[in-house]
Structures are given as structure tokens and as C-alpha cells.
N, C-alpha and C. Protein backbone atom coordinates (compact mmCIF):
# COMPACT_ATOMS: atom_id res chain seq x y z
N MET A 1 37.67 115.06 18.11
CA MET A 1 36.92 115.46 16.92
C MET A 1 36.63 116.96 16.94
N LEU A 2 36.11 117.46 18.05
CA LEU A 2 35.80 118.88 18.16
C LEU A 2 37.06 119.72 18.05
N PHE A 3 38.18 119.20 18.57
CA PHE A 3 39.44 119.94 18.47
C PHE A 3 39.87 120.09 17.02
N ILE A 4 39.72 119.03 16.22
CA ILE A 4 40.11 119.07 14.81
C ILE A 4 39.22 120.06 14.05
N ILE A 5 37.93 120.02 14.35
CA ILE A 5 37.00 120.96 13.70
C ILE A 5 37.38 122.40 14.04
N LYS A 6 37.62 122.64 15.30
CA LYS A 6 37.99 123.99 15.74
C LYS A 6 39.29 124.43 15.10
N LYS A 7 40.28 123.52 15.04
CA LYS A 7 41.58 123.85 14.44
C LYS A 7 41.42 124.24 12.97
N ASP A 8 40.70 123.42 12.21
CA ASP A 8 40.53 123.68 10.77
C ASP A 8 39.78 124.99 10.53
N LEU A 9 38.73 125.23 11.32
CA LEU A 9 37.95 126.45 11.13
C LEU A 9 38.76 127.69 11.50
N LEU A 10 39.52 127.61 12.60
CA LEU A 10 40.33 128.76 13.00
C LEU A 10 41.41 129.07 11.96
N MET A 11 42.05 128.03 11.43
CA MET A 11 43.08 128.24 10.43
C MET A 11 42.51 128.86 9.17
N GLU A 12 41.31 128.42 8.79
CA GLU A 12 40.70 128.96 7.58
C GLU A 12 40.23 130.40 7.79
N PHE A 13 39.64 130.69 8.92
CA PHE A 13 39.14 132.05 9.15
C PHE A 13 40.29 133.05 9.33
N ARG A 14 41.47 132.54 9.72
CA ARG A 14 42.63 133.42 9.81
C ARG A 14 43.21 133.73 8.44
N LYS A 15 43.31 132.68 7.60
CA LYS A 15 43.88 132.87 6.25
C LYS A 15 42.84 133.30 5.23
N ARG A 16 41.65 132.73 5.34
CA ARG A 16 40.51 133.01 4.45
C ARG A 16 40.80 132.64 2.99
N GLU A 17 41.76 131.78 2.75
CA GLU A 17 42.12 131.43 1.38
C GLU A 17 41.00 130.65 0.70
N SER A 18 40.53 129.59 1.36
CA SER A 18 39.52 128.73 0.75
C SER A 18 38.20 129.47 0.56
N LEU A 19 37.75 130.16 1.60
CA LEU A 19 36.45 130.83 1.52
C LEU A 19 36.44 131.92 0.46
N VAL A 20 37.52 132.68 0.39
CA VAL A 20 37.58 133.74 -0.61
C VAL A 20 37.57 133.16 -2.02
N SER A 21 38.34 132.09 -2.24
CA SER A 21 38.38 131.48 -3.57
C SER A 21 37.04 130.85 -3.93
N ILE A 22 36.39 130.20 -2.96
CA ILE A 22 35.08 129.58 -3.20
C ILE A 22 34.05 130.64 -3.59
N LEU A 23 33.98 131.71 -2.81
CA LEU A 23 32.97 132.74 -3.05
C LEU A 23 33.25 133.50 -4.34
N PHE A 24 34.52 133.80 -4.60
CA PHE A 24 34.85 134.55 -5.82
C PHE A 24 34.56 133.72 -7.06
N PHE A 25 34.94 132.43 -7.03
CA PHE A 25 34.71 131.58 -8.19
C PHE A 25 33.22 131.38 -8.42
N GLY A 26 32.45 131.14 -7.35
CA GLY A 26 31.02 130.99 -7.48
C GLY A 26 30.36 132.24 -8.03
N PHE A 27 30.79 133.41 -7.54
CA PHE A 27 30.27 134.69 -8.04
C PHE A 27 30.59 134.84 -9.52
N LEU A 28 31.81 134.50 -9.91
CA LEU A 28 32.21 134.64 -11.31
C LEU A 28 31.39 133.74 -12.22
N VAL A 29 31.15 132.50 -11.79
CA VAL A 29 30.36 131.56 -12.59
C VAL A 29 28.94 132.08 -12.75
N LEU A 30 28.34 132.56 -11.69
CA LEU A 30 26.97 133.07 -11.77
C LEU A 30 26.86 134.28 -12.69
N VAL A 31 27.83 135.17 -12.62
CA VAL A 31 27.80 136.37 -13.46
C VAL A 31 27.94 135.98 -14.93
N ILE A 32 28.87 135.08 -15.23
CA ILE A 32 29.08 134.65 -16.62
C ILE A 32 27.83 133.96 -17.17
N LEU A 33 27.24 133.07 -16.37
CA LEU A 33 26.04 132.37 -16.83
C LEU A 33 24.85 133.32 -16.96
N ASN A 34 24.81 134.33 -16.11
CA ASN A 34 23.74 135.33 -16.21
C ASN A 34 23.84 136.08 -17.53
N ILE A 35 25.06 136.44 -17.91
CA ILE A 35 25.27 137.13 -19.19
C ILE A 35 24.93 136.21 -20.36
N ALA A 36 25.26 134.90 -20.21
CA ALA A 36 25.10 133.97 -21.32
C ALA A 36 23.66 133.56 -21.58
N VAL A 37 22.86 133.36 -20.51
CA VAL A 37 21.55 132.73 -20.71
C VAL A 37 20.36 133.60 -20.41
N SER A 38 20.52 134.69 -19.70
CA SER A 38 19.32 135.42 -19.28
C SER A 38 19.23 136.83 -19.82
N VAL A 39 20.04 137.15 -20.80
CA VAL A 39 19.93 138.47 -21.40
C VAL A 39 18.76 138.48 -22.39
N ASP A 40 17.84 139.42 -22.22
CA ASP A 40 16.71 139.62 -23.13
C ASP A 40 15.72 138.47 -23.18
N ARG A 41 15.76 137.56 -22.21
CA ARG A 41 14.74 136.51 -22.20
C ARG A 41 14.57 135.97 -20.78
N GLU A 42 13.40 135.45 -20.52
CA GLU A 42 13.09 134.93 -19.19
C GLU A 42 13.75 133.58 -18.99
N LEU A 43 14.27 133.37 -17.81
CA LEU A 43 14.99 132.13 -17.51
C LEU A 43 14.01 130.98 -17.31
N ASP A 44 14.24 129.88 -18.01
CA ASP A 44 13.43 128.67 -17.87
C ASP A 44 13.76 128.03 -16.52
N PRO A 45 12.74 127.72 -15.68
CA PRO A 45 13.01 127.10 -14.38
C PRO A 45 13.80 125.80 -14.47
N SER A 46 13.60 125.05 -15.56
CA SER A 46 14.32 123.78 -15.70
C SER A 46 15.81 124.00 -15.89
N ILE A 47 16.19 125.17 -16.41
CA ILE A 47 17.60 125.50 -16.58
C ILE A 47 18.19 126.09 -15.31
N SER A 48 17.35 126.74 -14.53
CA SER A 48 17.84 127.46 -13.35
C SER A 48 18.50 126.53 -12.34
N GLY A 49 17.97 125.30 -12.19
CA GLY A 49 18.58 124.36 -11.26
C GLY A 49 20.00 124.01 -11.66
N GLY A 50 20.23 123.82 -12.96
CA GLY A 50 21.57 123.53 -13.44
C GLY A 50 22.52 124.67 -13.20
N ILE A 51 22.06 125.90 -13.43
CA ILE A 51 22.91 127.07 -13.22
C ILE A 51 23.33 127.19 -11.76
N LEU A 52 22.36 127.03 -10.86
CA LEU A 52 22.67 127.16 -9.43
C LEU A 52 23.67 126.12 -8.98
N TRP A 53 23.46 124.86 -9.37
CA TRP A 53 24.33 123.81 -8.86
C TRP A 53 25.68 123.76 -9.55
N VAL A 54 25.76 124.22 -10.78
CA VAL A 54 27.08 124.35 -11.42
C VAL A 54 27.96 125.30 -10.62
N ALA A 55 27.40 126.44 -10.24
CA ALA A 55 28.17 127.42 -9.46
C ALA A 55 28.58 126.86 -8.11
N ILE A 56 27.65 126.17 -7.44
CA ILE A 56 27.95 125.65 -6.10
C ILE A 56 28.96 124.50 -6.15
N PHE A 57 28.75 123.55 -7.04
CA PHE A 57 29.62 122.37 -7.09
C PHE A 57 31.04 122.73 -7.48
N PHE A 58 31.19 123.53 -8.52
CA PHE A 58 32.54 123.84 -8.98
C PHE A 58 33.29 124.69 -7.97
N SER A 59 32.60 125.59 -7.29
CA SER A 59 33.27 126.39 -6.27
C SER A 59 33.60 125.54 -5.03
N ALA A 60 32.73 124.58 -4.70
CA ALA A 60 32.96 123.73 -3.52
C ALA A 60 34.18 122.84 -3.71
N VAL A 61 34.49 122.45 -4.95
CA VAL A 61 35.67 121.62 -5.20
C VAL A 61 36.94 122.35 -4.79
N LEU A 62 36.96 123.67 -4.94
CA LEU A 62 38.12 124.44 -4.53
C LEU A 62 38.36 124.30 -3.03
N GLY A 63 37.26 124.23 -2.27
CA GLY A 63 37.39 124.05 -0.83
C GLY A 63 37.90 122.68 -0.46
N LEU A 64 37.49 121.66 -1.23
CA LEU A 64 37.95 120.30 -0.94
C LEU A 64 39.46 120.16 -1.11
N ASN A 65 40.03 120.95 -2.02
CA ASN A 65 41.47 120.88 -2.25
C ASN A 65 42.26 121.23 -0.99
N GLN A 66 41.63 121.99 -0.09
CA GLN A 66 42.33 122.44 1.11
C GLN A 66 42.15 121.50 2.31
N VAL A 67 41.33 120.47 2.15
CA VAL A 67 40.99 119.62 3.29
C VAL A 67 42.21 118.98 3.92
N PHE A 68 43.08 118.40 3.06
CA PHE A 68 44.26 117.72 3.58
C PHE A 68 45.56 118.40 3.20
N SER A 69 45.48 119.52 2.48
CA SER A 69 46.72 120.20 2.11
C SER A 69 47.45 120.72 3.34
N GLN A 70 46.69 121.21 4.32
CA GLN A 70 47.31 121.70 5.55
C GLN A 70 47.92 120.55 6.35
N GLU A 71 47.26 119.40 6.34
CA GLU A 71 47.78 118.26 7.09
C GLU A 71 49.06 117.70 6.45
N ASN A 72 49.17 117.83 5.13
CA ASN A 72 50.35 117.30 4.44
C ASN A 72 51.57 118.20 4.57
N GLU A 73 51.34 119.45 4.92
CA GLU A 73 52.47 120.35 5.12
C GLU A 73 53.27 119.92 6.34
N ASN A 74 54.55 119.72 6.13
CA ASN A 74 55.46 119.30 7.21
C ASN A 74 55.01 118.01 7.90
N ARG A 75 54.25 117.18 7.13
CA ARG A 75 53.80 115.88 7.63
C ARG A 75 53.00 116.02 8.93
N CYS A 76 52.14 117.02 8.98
CA CYS A 76 51.29 117.18 10.17
C CYS A 76 50.33 116.02 10.33
N ILE A 77 50.07 115.30 9.22
CA ILE A 77 49.18 114.15 9.28
C ILE A 77 49.72 113.09 10.22
N ASP A 78 51.07 113.02 10.34
CA ASP A 78 51.67 112.05 11.27
C ASP A 78 51.27 112.34 12.70
N GLY A 79 51.16 113.62 13.03
CA GLY A 79 50.72 113.99 14.37
C GLY A 79 49.31 113.53 14.66
N LEU A 80 48.44 113.64 13.64
CA LEU A 80 47.07 113.16 13.83
C LEU A 80 47.03 111.66 14.02
N LEU A 81 47.86 110.95 13.26
CA LEU A 81 47.87 109.49 13.37
C LEU A 81 48.42 109.03 14.71
N LEU A 82 49.35 109.79 15.26
CA LEU A 82 49.94 109.43 16.55
C LEU A 82 49.05 109.85 17.72
N ALA A 83 48.16 110.79 17.47
CA ALA A 83 47.27 111.26 18.54
C ALA A 83 46.25 110.18 18.89
N PRO A 84 45.77 110.20 20.13
CA PRO A 84 44.76 109.20 20.54
C PRO A 84 43.38 109.53 19.98
N VAL A 85 43.31 109.57 18.67
CA VAL A 85 42.05 109.89 18.00
C VAL A 85 41.78 108.82 16.96
N GLU A 86 40.60 108.26 16.96
CA GLU A 86 40.24 107.24 15.99
C GLU A 86 40.14 107.86 14.59
N PRO A 87 40.59 107.12 13.57
CA PRO A 87 40.48 107.63 12.19
C PRO A 87 39.05 108.01 11.82
N GLU A 88 38.08 107.27 12.35
CA GLU A 88 36.69 107.58 12.05
C GLU A 88 36.30 108.98 12.56
N LEU A 89 36.87 109.37 13.71
CA LEU A 89 36.58 110.70 14.24
C LEU A 89 37.23 111.78 13.39
N ILE A 90 38.42 111.49 12.85
CA ILE A 90 39.06 112.43 11.93
C ILE A 90 38.18 112.62 10.70
N PHE A 91 37.65 111.51 10.20
CA PHE A 91 36.75 111.59 9.03
C PHE A 91 35.53 112.44 9.34
N LEU A 92 34.89 112.20 10.47
CA LEU A 92 33.70 112.96 10.84
C LEU A 92 34.02 114.45 10.99
N ALA A 93 35.20 114.75 11.54
CA ALA A 93 35.60 116.15 11.70
C ALA A 93 35.78 116.82 10.34
N LYS A 94 36.44 116.13 9.41
CA LYS A 94 36.68 116.70 8.08
C LYS A 94 35.37 116.87 7.32
N VAL A 95 34.47 115.91 7.44
CA VAL A 95 33.17 116.02 6.79
C VAL A 95 32.42 117.23 7.35
N THR A 96 32.47 117.41 8.65
CA THR A 96 31.79 118.55 9.28
C THR A 96 32.35 119.87 8.79
N VAL A 97 33.67 119.97 8.69
CA VAL A 97 34.30 121.20 8.21
C VAL A 97 33.89 121.49 6.77
N ASN A 98 33.92 120.48 5.92
CA ASN A 98 33.50 120.66 4.53
C ASN A 98 32.04 121.09 4.45
N PHE A 99 31.20 120.47 5.28
CA PHE A 99 29.78 120.81 5.31
C PHE A 99 29.59 122.28 5.70
N ILE A 100 30.33 122.73 6.70
CA ILE A 100 30.22 124.11 7.16
C ILE A 100 30.66 125.09 6.07
N PHE A 101 31.76 124.76 5.39
CA PHE A 101 32.24 125.63 4.31
C PHE A 101 31.21 125.74 3.19
N MET A 102 30.57 124.62 2.86
CA MET A 102 29.55 124.66 1.81
C MET A 102 28.36 125.51 2.24
N ILE A 103 27.95 125.40 3.49
CA ILE A 103 26.83 126.21 3.99
C ILE A 103 27.16 127.70 3.90
N ILE A 104 28.38 128.04 4.31
CA ILE A 104 28.79 129.45 4.26
C ILE A 104 28.75 129.97 2.82
N ALA A 105 29.28 129.16 1.90
CA ALA A 105 29.29 129.56 0.49
C ALA A 105 27.87 129.71 -0.04
N GLU A 106 26.99 128.78 0.31
CA GLU A 106 25.61 128.81 -0.20
C GLU A 106 24.81 129.96 0.38
N VAL A 107 25.12 130.36 1.61
CA VAL A 107 24.44 131.50 2.21
C VAL A 107 24.69 132.76 1.39
N VAL A 108 25.84 132.82 0.72
CA VAL A 108 26.16 133.96 -0.13
C VAL A 108 25.70 133.75 -1.57
N LEU A 109 25.97 132.55 -2.12
CA LEU A 109 25.74 132.32 -3.55
C LEU A 109 24.25 132.17 -3.90
N ILE A 110 23.48 131.54 -3.04
CA ILE A 110 22.06 131.35 -3.36
C ILE A 110 21.30 132.68 -3.41
N PRO A 111 21.44 133.58 -2.43
CA PRO A 111 20.79 134.90 -2.58
C PRO A 111 21.29 135.66 -3.81
N LEU A 112 22.59 135.51 -4.13
CA LEU A 112 23.12 136.16 -5.32
C LEU A 112 22.47 135.59 -6.58
N PHE A 113 22.23 134.29 -6.58
CA PHE A 113 21.53 133.65 -7.70
C PHE A 113 20.13 134.24 -7.87
N PHE A 114 19.42 134.43 -6.76
CA PHE A 114 18.08 135.02 -6.83
C PHE A 114 18.13 136.43 -7.42
N VAL A 115 19.12 137.21 -7.01
CA VAL A 115 19.24 138.59 -7.48
C VAL A 115 19.55 138.64 -8.97
N LEU A 116 20.45 137.78 -9.42
CA LEU A 116 20.89 137.83 -10.81
C LEU A 116 19.90 137.21 -11.79
N PHE A 117 19.13 136.21 -11.33
CA PHE A 117 18.30 135.47 -12.28
C PHE A 117 16.80 135.69 -12.08
N ASN A 118 16.29 135.43 -10.91
CA ASN A 118 14.85 135.60 -10.72
C ASN A 118 14.56 135.62 -9.23
N ASP A 119 14.22 136.80 -8.72
CA ASP A 119 13.97 136.90 -7.28
C ASP A 119 12.70 136.19 -6.86
N GLU A 120 11.83 135.80 -7.81
CA GLU A 120 10.63 135.06 -7.46
C GLU A 120 10.96 133.66 -6.95
N PHE A 121 12.14 133.13 -7.33
CA PHE A 121 12.55 131.81 -6.86
C PHE A 121 12.77 131.79 -5.34
N SER A 122 12.97 132.97 -4.74
CA SER A 122 13.28 133.04 -3.32
C SER A 122 12.13 132.53 -2.45
N ARG A 123 10.92 132.47 -3.00
CA ARG A 123 9.80 131.96 -2.19
C ARG A 123 9.90 130.45 -1.96
N TYR A 124 10.81 129.80 -2.67
CA TYR A 124 10.97 128.36 -2.51
C TYR A 124 12.13 128.01 -1.57
N ILE A 125 12.60 128.99 -0.80
CA ILE A 125 13.76 128.75 0.07
C ILE A 125 13.54 127.60 1.05
N PRO A 126 12.40 127.49 1.74
CA PRO A 126 12.24 126.36 2.68
C PRO A 126 12.41 125.00 2.02
N GLU A 127 11.83 124.81 0.84
CA GLU A 127 11.97 123.53 0.13
C GLU A 127 13.40 123.35 -0.40
N LEU A 128 14.01 124.46 -0.81
CA LEU A 128 15.38 124.39 -1.34
C LEU A 128 16.37 123.98 -0.25
N ILE A 129 16.10 124.38 0.98
CA ILE A 129 16.99 124.02 2.09
C ILE A 129 17.11 122.50 2.22
N VAL A 130 16.01 121.78 2.01
CA VAL A 130 16.05 120.32 2.09
C VAL A 130 16.99 119.74 1.04
N ILE A 131 16.89 120.24 -0.19
CA ILE A 131 17.77 119.77 -1.27
C ILE A 131 19.22 120.12 -0.95
N VAL A 132 19.44 121.33 -0.46
CA VAL A 132 20.80 121.77 -0.13
C VAL A 132 21.44 120.87 0.94
N LEU A 133 20.69 120.57 1.99
CA LEU A 133 21.24 119.76 3.07
C LEU A 133 21.57 118.34 2.60
N LEU A 134 20.69 117.76 1.81
CA LEU A 134 20.95 116.41 1.28
C LEU A 134 22.19 116.40 0.40
N LEU A 135 22.31 117.39 -0.47
CA LEU A 135 23.46 117.46 -1.36
C LEU A 135 24.75 117.73 -0.59
N ASN A 136 24.69 118.64 0.36
CA ASN A 136 25.89 118.97 1.12
C ASN A 136 26.43 117.77 1.88
N PHE A 137 25.53 116.98 2.45
CA PHE A 137 25.97 115.83 3.23
C PHE A 137 26.66 114.80 2.35
N GLY A 138 26.05 114.49 1.20
CA GLY A 138 26.67 113.53 0.30
C GLY A 138 27.96 114.03 -0.30
N PHE A 139 27.97 115.29 -0.71
CA PHE A 139 29.18 115.89 -1.29
C PHE A 139 30.31 115.92 -0.28
N SER A 140 30.02 116.31 0.96
CA SER A 140 31.06 116.39 1.98
C SER A 140 31.60 115.01 2.33
N SER A 141 30.73 114.00 2.35
CA SER A 141 31.17 112.65 2.72
C SER A 141 32.11 112.07 1.68
N ILE A 142 31.67 112.01 0.43
CA ILE A 142 32.51 111.41 -0.60
C ILE A 142 33.67 112.33 -0.96
N GLY A 143 33.46 113.64 -0.85
CA GLY A 143 34.53 114.58 -1.16
C GLY A 143 35.68 114.48 -0.18
N THR A 144 35.40 114.17 1.07
CA THR A 144 36.45 114.07 2.08
C THR A 144 37.39 112.91 1.78
N ILE A 145 36.85 111.74 1.50
CA ILE A 145 37.71 110.58 1.26
C ILE A 145 38.44 110.69 -0.08
N ILE A 146 37.78 111.26 -1.09
CA ILE A 146 38.46 111.42 -2.37
C ILE A 146 39.54 112.49 -2.27
N SER A 147 39.31 113.50 -1.45
CA SER A 147 40.35 114.50 -1.21
C SER A 147 41.56 113.86 -0.54
N ALA A 148 41.31 112.93 0.38
CA ALA A 148 42.42 112.22 1.03
C ALA A 148 43.19 111.37 0.02
N ILE A 149 42.47 110.70 -0.87
CA ILE A 149 43.11 109.85 -1.88
C ILE A 149 43.92 110.70 -2.86
N SER A 150 43.35 111.80 -3.35
CA SER A 150 44.03 112.62 -4.33
C SER A 150 45.22 113.36 -3.75
N SER A 151 45.25 113.52 -2.44
CA SER A 151 46.36 114.24 -1.82
C SER A 151 47.66 113.44 -1.90
N TYR A 152 47.58 112.14 -2.24
CA TYR A 152 48.79 111.36 -2.47
C TYR A 152 49.57 111.89 -3.66
N SER A 153 48.83 112.41 -4.64
CA SER A 153 49.43 112.81 -5.90
C SER A 153 49.97 114.23 -5.82
N ARG A 154 51.05 114.49 -6.56
CA ARG A 154 51.57 115.85 -6.63
C ARG A 154 50.61 116.76 -7.39
N ARG A 155 49.76 116.16 -8.19
CA ARG A 155 48.75 116.89 -8.94
C ARG A 155 47.38 116.66 -8.33
N GLY A 156 47.31 116.72 -7.02
CA GLY A 156 46.07 116.41 -6.33
C GLY A 156 44.93 117.31 -6.72
N GLU A 157 45.22 118.61 -6.99
CA GLU A 157 44.17 119.54 -7.37
C GLU A 157 43.56 119.20 -8.72
N VAL A 158 44.33 118.47 -9.56
CA VAL A 158 43.80 118.02 -10.84
C VAL A 158 43.07 116.69 -10.70
N MET A 159 43.63 115.80 -9.88
CA MET A 159 43.04 114.48 -9.70
C MET A 159 41.70 114.53 -8.97
N LEU A 160 41.55 115.49 -8.07
CA LEU A 160 40.33 115.54 -7.25
C LEU A 160 39.06 115.64 -8.08
N PRO A 161 38.91 116.63 -8.98
CA PRO A 161 37.67 116.67 -9.78
C PRO A 161 37.53 115.49 -10.72
N ILE A 162 38.66 114.95 -11.22
CA ILE A 162 38.59 113.80 -12.12
C ILE A 162 38.00 112.60 -11.40
N LEU A 163 38.36 112.40 -10.15
CA LEU A 163 37.84 111.27 -9.37
C LEU A 163 36.46 111.56 -8.80
N LEU A 164 36.20 112.82 -8.48
CA LEU A 164 34.99 113.17 -7.74
C LEU A 164 33.74 113.24 -8.61
N PHE A 165 33.80 113.95 -9.72
CA PHE A 165 32.58 114.22 -10.48
C PHE A 165 31.93 112.98 -11.08
N PRO A 166 32.69 111.99 -11.58
CA PRO A 166 32.00 110.78 -12.06
C PRO A 166 31.18 110.08 -10.97
N VAL A 167 31.69 110.11 -9.74
CA VAL A 167 30.96 109.49 -8.63
C VAL A 167 29.72 110.29 -8.28
N LEU A 168 29.81 111.60 -8.42
CA LEU A 168 28.72 112.49 -8.00
C LEU A 168 27.65 112.72 -9.06
N ILE A 169 27.84 112.18 -10.25
CA ILE A 169 26.89 112.44 -11.34
C ILE A 169 25.44 112.13 -10.95
N PRO A 170 25.14 110.99 -10.31
CA PRO A 170 23.73 110.74 -9.92
C PRO A 170 23.17 111.79 -8.99
N MET A 171 23.98 112.24 -8.02
CA MET A 171 23.50 113.24 -7.08
C MET A 171 23.36 114.61 -7.76
N ILE A 172 24.30 114.93 -8.64
CA ILE A 172 24.21 116.20 -9.36
C ILE A 172 22.94 116.23 -10.22
N ALA A 173 22.69 115.12 -10.91
CA ALA A 173 21.49 115.04 -11.75
C ALA A 173 20.23 115.18 -10.91
N ALA A 174 20.19 114.50 -9.77
CA ALA A 174 19.02 114.57 -8.90
C ALA A 174 18.82 115.99 -8.36
N ALA A 175 19.92 116.66 -8.02
CA ALA A 175 19.82 118.03 -7.51
C ALA A 175 19.31 118.98 -8.58
N VAL A 176 19.85 118.86 -9.78
CA VAL A 176 19.45 119.75 -10.87
C VAL A 176 17.98 119.56 -11.22
N ILE A 177 17.55 118.30 -11.35
CA ILE A 177 16.17 118.03 -11.74
C ILE A 177 15.19 118.46 -10.65
N SER A 178 15.49 118.10 -9.40
CA SER A 178 14.57 118.45 -8.32
C SER A 178 14.49 119.96 -8.12
N THR A 179 15.62 120.66 -8.26
CA THR A 179 15.59 122.13 -8.12
C THR A 179 14.83 122.76 -9.28
N GLY A 180 15.01 122.25 -10.49
CA GLY A 180 14.25 122.75 -11.62
C GLY A 180 12.76 122.55 -11.44
N GLU A 181 12.36 121.37 -10.95
CA GLU A 181 10.95 121.10 -10.68
C GLU A 181 10.41 122.05 -9.61
N LEU A 182 11.23 122.27 -8.58
CA LEU A 182 10.82 123.16 -7.49
C LEU A 182 10.60 124.58 -8.00
N PHE A 183 11.56 125.11 -8.75
CA PHE A 183 11.44 126.47 -9.27
C PHE A 183 10.33 126.59 -10.31
N GLY A 184 9.95 125.46 -10.90
CA GLY A 184 8.85 125.48 -11.86
C GLY A 184 7.49 125.46 -11.20
N GLY A 185 7.45 125.37 -9.87
CA GLY A 185 6.20 125.41 -9.14
C GLY A 185 5.59 124.06 -8.84
N ALA A 186 6.33 122.97 -9.12
CA ALA A 186 5.81 121.63 -8.86
C ALA A 186 5.76 121.35 -7.36
N GLY A 187 4.79 120.56 -6.95
CA GLY A 187 4.70 120.16 -5.55
C GLY A 187 5.75 119.11 -5.21
N VAL A 188 5.94 118.90 -3.92
CA VAL A 188 6.98 117.98 -3.49
C VAL A 188 6.75 116.57 -4.00
N GLU A 189 5.49 116.20 -4.24
CA GLU A 189 5.21 114.86 -4.75
C GLU A 189 5.77 114.65 -6.15
N LYS A 190 6.01 115.74 -6.87
CA LYS A 190 6.53 115.64 -8.23
C LYS A 190 8.01 115.28 -8.26
N TYR A 191 8.75 115.76 -7.27
CA TYR A 191 10.20 115.53 -7.27
C TYR A 191 10.69 114.76 -6.04
N SER A 192 9.76 114.21 -5.27
CA SER A 192 10.16 113.50 -4.05
C SER A 192 11.04 112.30 -4.34
N LYS A 193 10.85 111.65 -5.49
CA LYS A 193 11.67 110.49 -5.83
C LYS A 193 13.14 110.87 -5.95
N TRP A 194 13.40 112.11 -6.39
CA TRP A 194 14.79 112.57 -6.48
C TRP A 194 15.37 112.84 -5.10
N LEU A 195 14.53 113.29 -4.18
CA LEU A 195 14.99 113.47 -2.80
C LEU A 195 15.32 112.12 -2.17
N TYR A 196 14.50 111.11 -2.44
CA TYR A 196 14.80 109.77 -1.93
C TYR A 196 16.10 109.24 -2.52
N LEU A 197 16.32 109.52 -3.80
CA LEU A 197 17.55 109.08 -4.44
C LEU A 197 18.77 109.74 -3.78
N MET A 198 18.67 111.03 -3.52
CA MET A 198 19.77 111.72 -2.85
C MET A 198 20.00 111.18 -1.44
N GLY A 199 18.90 110.88 -0.73
CA GLY A 199 19.03 110.30 0.59
C GLY A 199 19.71 108.94 0.55
N ALA A 200 19.38 108.13 -0.45
CA ALA A 200 20.01 106.82 -0.60
C ALA A 200 21.50 106.96 -0.88
N PHE A 201 21.85 107.89 -1.76
CA PHE A 201 23.26 108.09 -2.05
C PHE A 201 24.01 108.67 -0.85
N ASP A 202 23.37 109.52 -0.08
CA ASP A 202 23.99 110.02 1.15
C ASP A 202 24.36 108.85 2.06
N PHE A 203 23.42 107.93 2.23
CA PHE A 203 23.66 106.76 3.09
C PHE A 203 24.82 105.92 2.56
N ILE A 204 24.83 105.68 1.24
CA ILE A 204 25.89 104.85 0.64
C ILE A 204 27.23 105.56 0.73
N PHE A 205 27.27 106.83 0.34
CA PHE A 205 28.53 107.58 0.33
C PHE A 205 29.11 107.71 1.74
N PHE A 206 28.26 108.08 2.68
CA PHE A 206 28.76 108.26 4.04
C PHE A 206 29.21 106.93 4.65
N GLY A 207 28.40 105.89 4.50
CA GLY A 207 28.75 104.60 5.09
C GLY A 207 30.02 104.02 4.51
N SER A 208 30.16 104.02 3.20
CA SER A 208 31.35 103.46 2.57
C SER A 208 32.59 104.30 2.88
N SER A 209 32.45 105.61 2.86
CA SER A 209 33.59 106.49 3.17
C SER A 209 34.03 106.34 4.62
N TYR A 210 33.06 106.22 5.51
CA TYR A 210 33.36 106.06 6.94
C TYR A 210 34.14 104.76 7.19
N LEU A 211 33.75 103.70 6.50
CA LEU A 211 34.40 102.40 6.71
C LEU A 211 35.78 102.34 6.06
N LEU A 212 35.96 103.04 4.94
CA LEU A 212 37.22 102.94 4.19
C LEU A 212 38.24 103.99 4.57
N PHE A 213 37.83 105.02 5.28
CA PHE A 213 38.73 106.13 5.55
C PHE A 213 39.97 105.71 6.32
N GLU A 214 39.81 104.80 7.26
CA GLU A 214 40.96 104.35 8.05
C GLU A 214 42.06 103.79 7.16
N TYR A 215 41.69 103.00 6.17
CA TYR A 215 42.69 102.37 5.29
C TYR A 215 43.35 103.41 4.38
N VAL A 216 42.58 104.41 3.97
CA VAL A 216 43.17 105.48 3.16
C VAL A 216 44.15 106.29 3.99
N LEU A 217 43.77 106.58 5.22
CA LEU A 217 44.61 107.43 6.09
C LEU A 217 45.89 106.72 6.48
N ARG A 218 45.84 105.43 6.69
CA ARG A 218 47.02 104.68 7.13
C ARG A 218 48.08 104.59 6.03
N GLU A 219 47.66 104.82 4.78
CA GLU A 219 48.61 104.74 3.66
C GLU A 219 49.38 106.03 3.46
N LYS A 220 49.04 107.07 4.20
CA LYS A 220 49.71 108.35 4.00
C LYS A 220 51.12 108.33 4.57
């Protein structure tokens, strides 16, 4: 498992294709939305959560496209299947890599969001970290298995968001609402139910993906 994580991270840091595309796309989305919604008027906190997560989610999908593209080149996936590694460990490694990529992107995009929209939101960083971690875990879990499924198709980059976003709608809604409540100054008791909802979906997404990943991988 650690070898797969190290391999994927080294390959990405050498090429930097995924990280550059994720950061550039996220930056572009934030700049466009800043021009569209915050010129000459104060940003409503309830809208700010949607803006932040739109930039993060759409840019993170670009990273998911690369999860199995490298393994499919020259049928490298066959080497993984022949190696003495359990499919579940491959899944955990891929989830970890996706999680790390999202953290790296958010370390750049979230401060940029504060600069472009409202630097007063930065005082909520400790509470925002909880929302970020819950979302990242669920997104990485379900995104990994759907990335594996979509990689069967020649149009995998198109199929991935089509399959992914309908599944993620509850988590996206919970993230947007809880972040909007947070930026609006509400206490944790006001949006804690959304955190519980995200935690429940994390458990469901991770558990189901972990159990089904072996069958998806064997079909490659």
C-alpha cells in the first residue's frame, strides 16, 4: 500500500500535470465567480459556501481523471493485479492519494478564496477544517471507485462527472449549507446536523466502495 502511494505521488510530482490543472482550474473558477457576484456589493455568507465548494469540487474532478489513467497505460494494472497486494489495499492507497491531492489544492484555493471574496472568513479556518476533512474523505472514497469504473470507457473523462456528481449531491448540499452557516457566524449547533450527515455518507461511501472495489478491479 505504501509503495503504491509513494509511486503515485512521485509520478505526479515529477510530471505535475494533475496538480497544475487542478490549481489553475480552481483559480480560474474563483476569479470568474469573483467578477460575477462580488463586484460593487458585499458577498452574502450563504452564497460564499457555494462559491468555495464549486471551485474545489470541479477542480478535484480533474485529479480523479488521473487516478487510473496511469495504470491503464500499457496495461500496468495487470502488474498490480499480479502483485501480492490485496485489492482492498490498492483501494486504500488510491483513496489516500486522492485525499492528499485535494488537501494540496485546498491549501492554495481556500486562502485565495479569502483574498478574493472576504478575508474576514479566515477566522473560521479551524471549523472549516472539519468540513473540509469530512468532504475530502467522502469525495476520495466514492471518487476512487467511480474513477475505476469510468476508466473502462474511452470517454472516461466525460463519464466520470456524469456518474460522480449525482451520487455526491447530498454531500455537496451539506457542505455548501454548513459552510454558509459557518461564514454567517452561526455556532456549531446550528449546522451540526449537516456534519453528521456528511459523516454518515462518509461511512456509507467508504464501506460500500471498499467492499465493491475488488469486483470492479477484477473486470479490468
